Amino acid sequence: MSIAAPTLPFLVGHPAHFIALGGGAGLSPVMPGTFGTLVALPIGWLLFATTGTAGWLLALTIATVAGAWAASVTGRNLGAADHGAIVIDEIAAFLLVLFFVGADPLRQAIAFVVFRVFDIVKPPPIRWMDAAWKNGAGVMADDFVAAFYTLIVIAIGQRLLAP
């Protein structure tokens, strides 16, 4: 079965689809990756309000493992391993960024913009990973590299701007 643009029935037709499409964020006809990244914000806020480091690490592990599985199943069902509607990779990777950036809204907003730039531009090795690794783990991996780049930029900015 190959679907050019997933539909609401596709979203709710399998738990993997619901996870991979970010609860529906991936159904957006424009900028699904941006909407997927936005889904991470309320999840992060909830984690900041209710748990500590162990809870964050558990949530990140679950999001990553479940995300790789869901992306694999959904990509196969959509006929494209890294279909644009699959946004769990953005969600999980941006949750990692939020874990390190903290609860400050300004820092989160800056991190959001930086992460989206890296995810869209795909500097090396992100573009290569995106093209070469056509499975659930590969779908997740390139966004985690974008998260790593984001964290480096945030750390450098913090170091340079700190009094």
C-alpha atoms as a PDB file:
ATOM      1  CA  MET A   1       0.000   0.000   0.000  1.00  0.00           C
ATOM      2  CA  SER A   2       1.469   3.357  -1.024  1.00  0.00           C
ATOM      3  CA  ILE A   3      -0.128   6.617   0.036  1.00  0.00           C
ATOM      4  CA  ALA A   4       1.127   9.952  -1.296  1.00  0.00           C
ATOM      5  CA  ALA A   5      -0.340  11.944   1.596  1.00  0.00           C
ATOM      6  CA  PRO A   6      -1.527  10.101   4.684  1.00  0.00           C
ATOM      7  CA  THR A   7      -5.087  10.691   5.812  1.00  0.00           C
ATOM      8  CA  LEU A   8      -6.874  10.723   9.141  1.00  0.00           C
ATOM      9  CA  PRO A   9      -7.991   7.080   8.679  1.00  0.00           C
ATOM     10  CA  PHE A  10      -4.355   6.143   7.997  1.00  0.00           C
ATOM     11  CA  LEU A  11      -3.257   8.015  11.157  1.00  0.00           C
ATOM     12  CA  VAL A  12      -5.639   6.085  13.406  1.00  0.00           C
ATOM     13  CA  GLY A  13      -5.382   2.806  11.488  1.00  0.00           C
ATOM     14  CA  HIS A  14      -2.309   1.563  13.362  1.00  0.00           C
ATOM     15  CA  PRO A  15      -0.567   2.647  16.595  1.00  0.00           C
ATOM     16  CA  ALA A  16       2.720   3.004  14.686  1.00  0.00           C
ATOM     17  CA  HIS A  17       1.112   5.498  12.318  1.00  0.00           C
ATOM     18  CA  PHE A  18      -0.205   7.584  15.216  1.00  0.00           C
ATOM     19  CA  ILE A  19       3.236   7.660  16.839  1.00  0.00           C
ATOM     20  CA  ALA A  20       5.179   8.265  13.618  1.00  0.00           C
ATOM     21  CA  LEU A  21       2.862  11.042  12.476  1.00  0.00           C
ATOM     22  CA  GLY A  22       3.146  12.795  15.832  1.00  0.00           C
ATOM     23  CA  GLY A  23      -0.488  12.327  16.789  1.00  0.00           C
ATOM     24  CA  GLY A  24      -1.519  14.114  13.601  1.00  0.00           C
ATOM     25  CA  ALA A  25       1.139  16.827  13.269  1.00  0.00           C
ATOM     26  CA  GLY A  26       2.553  14.991  10.262  1.00  0.00           C
ATOM     27  CA  LEU A  27      -0.754  15.390   8.438  1.00  0.00           C
ATOM     28  CA  SER A  28      -0.052  19.096   8.000  1.00  0.00           C
ATOM     29  CA  PRO A  29       0.054  19.905   4.280  1.00  0.00           C
ATOM     30  CA  VAL A  30       2.816  22.451   4.905  1.00  0.00           C
ATOM     31  CA  MET A  31       5.893  22.186   7.111  1.00  0.00           C
ATOM     32  CA  PRO A  32       5.025  18.892   8.846  1.00  0.00           C
ATOM     33  CA  GLY A  33       8.531  18.733  10.351  1.00  0.00           C
ATOM     34  CA  THR A  34       8.042  22.126  11.960  1.00  0.00           C
ATOM     35  CA  PHE A  35       4.676  21.078  13.367  1.00  0.00           C
ATOM     36  CA  GLY A  36       6.252  17.840  14.595  1.00  0.00           C
ATOM     37  CA  THR A  37       8.987  19.781  16.345  1.00  0.00           C
ATOM     38  CA  LEU A  38       6.313  21.943  17.988  1.00  0.00           C
ATOM     39  CA  VAL A  39       4.709  18.779  19.428  1.00  0.00           C
ATOM     40  CA  ALA A  40       7.857  18.275  21.513  1.00  0.00           C
ATOM     41  CA  LEU A  41       7.293  21.559  23.367  1.00  0.00           C
ATOM     42  CA  PRO A  42       4.208  20.609  25.442  1.00  0.00           C
ATOM     43  CA  ILE A  43       5.709  17.174  26.055  1.00  0.00           C
ATOM     44  CA  GLY A  44       8.861  18.880  27.318  1.00  0.00           C
ATOM     45  CA  TRP A  45       6.880  21.286  29.470  1.00  0.00           C
ATOM     46  CA  LEU A  46       5.039  18.338  31.003  1.00  0.00           C
ATOM     47  CA  LEU A  47       8.314  16.546  31.678  1.00  0.00           C
ATOM     48  CA  PHE A  48       9.863  19.666  33.247  1.00  0.00           C
ATOM     49  CA  ALA A  49       6.815  20.043  35.494  1.00  0.00           C
ATOM     50  CA  THR A  50       6.478  16.419  36.584  1.00  0.00           C
ATOM     51  CA  THR A  51       9.788  14.602  36.503  1.00  0.00           C
ATOM     52  CA  GLY A  52      13.525  14.827  36.925  1.00  0.00           C
ATOM     53  CA  THR A  53      16.480  13.484  34.998  1.00  0.00           C
ATOM     54  CA  ALA A  54      15.439   9.826  35.265  1.00  0.00           C
ATOM     55  CA  GLY A  55      11.977  10.597  33.887  1.00  0.00           C
ATOM     56  CA  TRP A  56      13.472  12.585  31.013  1.00  0.00           C
ATOM     57  CA  LEU A  57      15.891   9.775  30.159  1.00  0.00           C
ATOM     58  CA  LEU A  58      13.068   7.239  30.240  1.00  0.00           C
ATOM     59  CA  ALA A  59      10.888   9.443  28.018  1.00  0.00           C
ATOM     60  CA  LEU A  60      13.763  10.001  25.572  1.00  0.00           C
ATOM     61  CA  THR A  61      14.473   6.273  25.423  1.00  0.00           C
ATOM     62  CA  ILE A  62      10.823   5.410  24.840  1.00  0.00           C
ATOM     63  CA  ALA A  63      10.421   8.132  22.206  1.00  0.00           C
ATOM     64  CA  THR A  64      13.545   6.969  20.383  1.00  0.00           C
ATOM     65  CA  VAL A  65      12.861   3.228  20.449  1.00  0.00           C
ATOM     66  CA  ALA A  66       9.129   3.550  19.766  1.00  0.00           C
ATOM     67  CA  GLY A  67       9.921   6.189  17.153  1.00  0.00           C
ATOM     68  CA  ALA A  68      12.325   3.939  15.246  1.00  0.00           C
ATOM     69  CA  TRP A  69       9.748   1.132  15.249  1.00  0.00           C
ATOM     70  CA  ALA A  70       6.884   3.441  14.279  1.00  0.00           C
ATOM     71  CA  ALA A  71       8.895   5.144  11.539  1.00  0.00           C
ATOM     72  CA  SER A  72       9.855   1.777  10.100  1.00  0.00           C
ATOM     73  CA  VAL A  73       6.284   0.461  10.023  1.00  0.00           C
ATOM     74  CA  THR A  74       4.798   3.725   8.787  1.00  0.00           C
ATOM     75  CA  GLY A  75       7.467   4.299   6.159  1.00  0.00           C
ATOM     76  CA  ARG A  76       6.870   0.817   4.803  1.00  0.00           C
ATOM     77  CA  ASN A  77       3.107   1.385   4.733  1.00  0.00           C
ATOM     78  CA  LEU A  78       3.514   4.764   3.031  1.00  0.00           C
ATOM     79  CA  GLY A  79       5.961   3.377   0.503  1.00  0.00           C
ATOM     80  CA  ALA A  80       8.690   5.838   1.534  1.00  0.00           C
ATOM     81  CA  ALA A  81      11.125   5.103   4.349  1.00  0.00           C
ATOM     82  CA  ASP A  82      11.422   8.754   5.397  1.00  0.00           C
ATOM     83  CA  HIS A  83       8.095  10.161   4.237  1.00  0.00           C
ATOM     84  CA  GLY A  84       7.709  13.843   5.096  1.00  0.00           C
ATOM     85  CA  ALA A  85       4.680  13.079   7.267  1.00  0.00           C
ATOM     86  CA  ILE A  86       6.811  11.022   9.655  1.00  0.00           C
ATOM     87  CA  VAL A  87       7.663  13.500  12.408  1.00  0.00           C
ATOM     88  CA  ILE A  88       8.464  11.346  15.438  1.00  0.00           C
ATOM     89  CA  ASP A  89      12.121  11.873  14.567  1.00  0.00           C
ATOM     90  CA  GLU A  90      11.764  15.635  15.041  1.00  0.00           C
ATOM     91  CA  ILE A  91       9.787  15.120  18.245  1.00  0.00           C
ATOM     92  CA  ALA A  92      12.289  12.748  19.867  1.00  0.00           C
ATOM     93  CA  ALA A  93      15.359  14.720  18.756  1.00  0.00           C
ATOM     94  CA  PHE A  94      13.936  18.049  19.906  1.00  0.00           C
ATOM     95  CA  LEU A  95      13.022  16.508  23.256  1.00  0.00           C
ATOM     96  CA  LEU A  96      16.740  15.758  23.634  1.00  0.00           C
ATOM     97  CA  VAL A  97      17.505  19.400  22.864  1.00  0.00           C
ATOM     98  CA  LEU A  98      14.929  20.558  25.410  1.00  0.00           C
ATOM     99  CA  PHE A  99      16.419  18.275  28.067  1.00  0.00           C
ATOM    100  CA  PHE A 100      19.718  20.138  27.802  1.00  0.00           C
ATOM    101  CA  VAL A 101      18.365  23.619  27.041  1.00  0.00           C
ATOM    102  CA  GLY A 102      16.059  23.668  30.049  1.00  0.00           C
ATOM    103  CA  ALA A 103      12.695  25.244  30.744  1.00  0.00           C
ATOM    104  CA  ASP A 104      13.530  28.846  29.806  1.00  0.00           C
ATOM    105  CA  PRO A 105      11.137  29.898  26.992  1.00  0.00           C
ATOM    106  CA  LEU A 106      13.687  32.148  25.263  1.00  0.00           C
ATOM    107  CA  ARG A 107      16.313  29.400  25.164  1.00  0.00           C
ATOM    108  CA  GLN A 108      13.683  26.968  23.898  1.00  0.00           C
ATOM    109  CA  ALA A 109      12.663  29.383  21.125  1.00  0.00           C
ATOM    110  CA  ILE A 110      16.279  29.902  20.043  1.00  0.00           C
ATOM    111  CA  ALA A 111      16.875  26.146  20.138  1.00  0.00           C
ATOM    112  CA  PHE A 112      13.723  25.584  18.075  1.00  0.00           C
ATOM    113  CA  VAL A 113      14.922  27.913  15.309  1.00  0.00           C
ATOM    114  CA  VAL A 114      18.459  26.494  15.301  1.00  0.00           C
ATOM    115  CA  PHE A 115      17.169  22.907  15.244  1.00  0.00           C
ATOM    116  CA  ARG A 116      14.779  23.612  12.362  1.00  0.00           C
ATOM    117  CA  VAL A 117      17.594  25.230  10.353  1.00  0.00           C
ATOM    118  CA  PHE A 118      19.827  22.172  10.793  1.00  0.00           C
ATOM    119  CA  ASP A 119      16.942  19.804  10.043  1.00  0.00           C
ATOM    120  CA  ILE A 120      16.036  21.684   6.857  1.00  0.00           C
ATOM    121  CA  VAL A 121      19.549  22.502   5.558  1.00  0.00           C
ATOM    122  CA  LYS A 122      20.918  19.046   6.478  1.00  0.00           C
ATOM    123  CA  PRO A 123      24.658  19.791   6.676  1.00  0.00           C
ATOM    124  CA  PRO A 124      27.042  16.809   6.529  1.00  0.00           C
ATOM    125  CA  PRO A 125      26.595  14.084   7.568  1.00  0.00           C
ATOM    126  CA  ILE A 126      22.860  14.678   7.980  1.00  0.00           C
ATOM    127  CA  ARG A 127      22.064  14.749   4.251  1.00  0.00           C
ATOM    128  CA  TRP A 128      24.135  11.608   3.681  1.00  0.00           C
ATOM    129  CA  MET A 129      22.434   9.761   6.564  1.00  0.00           C
ATOM    130  CA  ASP A 130      19.027  10.881   5.322  1.00  0.00           C
ATOM    131  CA  ALA A 131      19.783   9.464   1.865  1.00  0.00           C
ATOM    132  CA  ALA A 132      21.620   6.301   2.898  1.00  0.00           C
ATOM    133  CA  TRP A 133      19.821   4.897   5.929  1.00  0.00           C
ATOM    134  CA  LYS A 134      16.346   3.922   4.787  1.00  0.00           C
ATOM    135  CA  ASN A 135      14.931   2.338   7.921  1.00  0.00           C
ATOM    136  CA  GLY A 136      13.401   3.472  11.198  1.00  0.00           C
ATOM    137  CA  ALA A 137      16.754   3.914  12.934  1.00  0.00           C
ATOM    138  CA  GLY A 138      18.044   5.950  10.000  1.00  0.00           C
ATOM    139  CA  VAL A 139      14.974   8.167  10.040  1.00  0.00           C
ATOM    140  CA  MET A 140      15.665   8.911  13.697  1.00  0.00           C
ATOM    141  CA  ALA A 141      19.460   9.235  13.384  1.00  0.00           C
ATOM    142  CA  ASP A 142      19.681  12.238  11.079  1.00  0.00           C
ATOM    143  CA  ASP A 143      17.478  14.301  13.392  1.00  0.00           C
ATOM    144  CA  PHE A 144      19.601  13.351  16.389  1.00  0.00           C
ATOM    145  CA  VAL A 145      22.641  14.693  14.517  1.00  0.00           C
ATOM    146  CA  ALA A 146      20.670  17.915  13.933  1.00  0.00           C
ATOM    147  CA  ALA A 147      19.957  17.956  17.682  1.00  0.00           C
ATOM    148  CA  PHE A 148      23.665  17.479  18.418  1.00  0.00           C
ATOM    149  CA  TYR A 149      24.554  20.391  16.110  1.00  0.00           C
ATOM    150  CA  THR A 150      21.876  22.493  17.793  1.00  0.00           C
ATOM    151  CA  LEU A 151      23.312  21.762  21.224  1.00  0.00           C
ATOM    152  CA  ILE A 152      26.807  22.697  20.041  1.00  0.00           C
ATOM    153  CA  VAL A 153      25.538  26.041  18.698  1.00  0.00           C
ATOM    154  CA  ILE A 154      23.622  26.700  21.929  1.00  0.00           C
ATOM    155  CA  ALA A 155      26.694  25.828  24.039  1.00  0.00           C
ATOM    156  CA  ILE A 156      28.961  28.076  21.960  1.00  0.00           C
ATOM    157  CA  GLY A 157      26.424  30.898  22.135  1.00  0.00           C
ATOM    158  CA  GLN A 158      26.078  30.498  25.865  1.00  0.00           C
ATOM    159  CA  ARG A 159      29.844  30.483  26.315  1.00  0.00           C
ATOM    160  CA  LEU A 160      30.373  33.558  24.143  1.00  0.00           C
ATOM    161  CA  LEU A 161      27.498  35.538  25.618  1.00  0.00           C
ATOM    162  CA  ALA A 162      28.016  34.593  29.276  1.00  0.00           C
ATOM    163  CA  PRO A 163      29.288  37.449  31.454  1.00  0.00           C
END
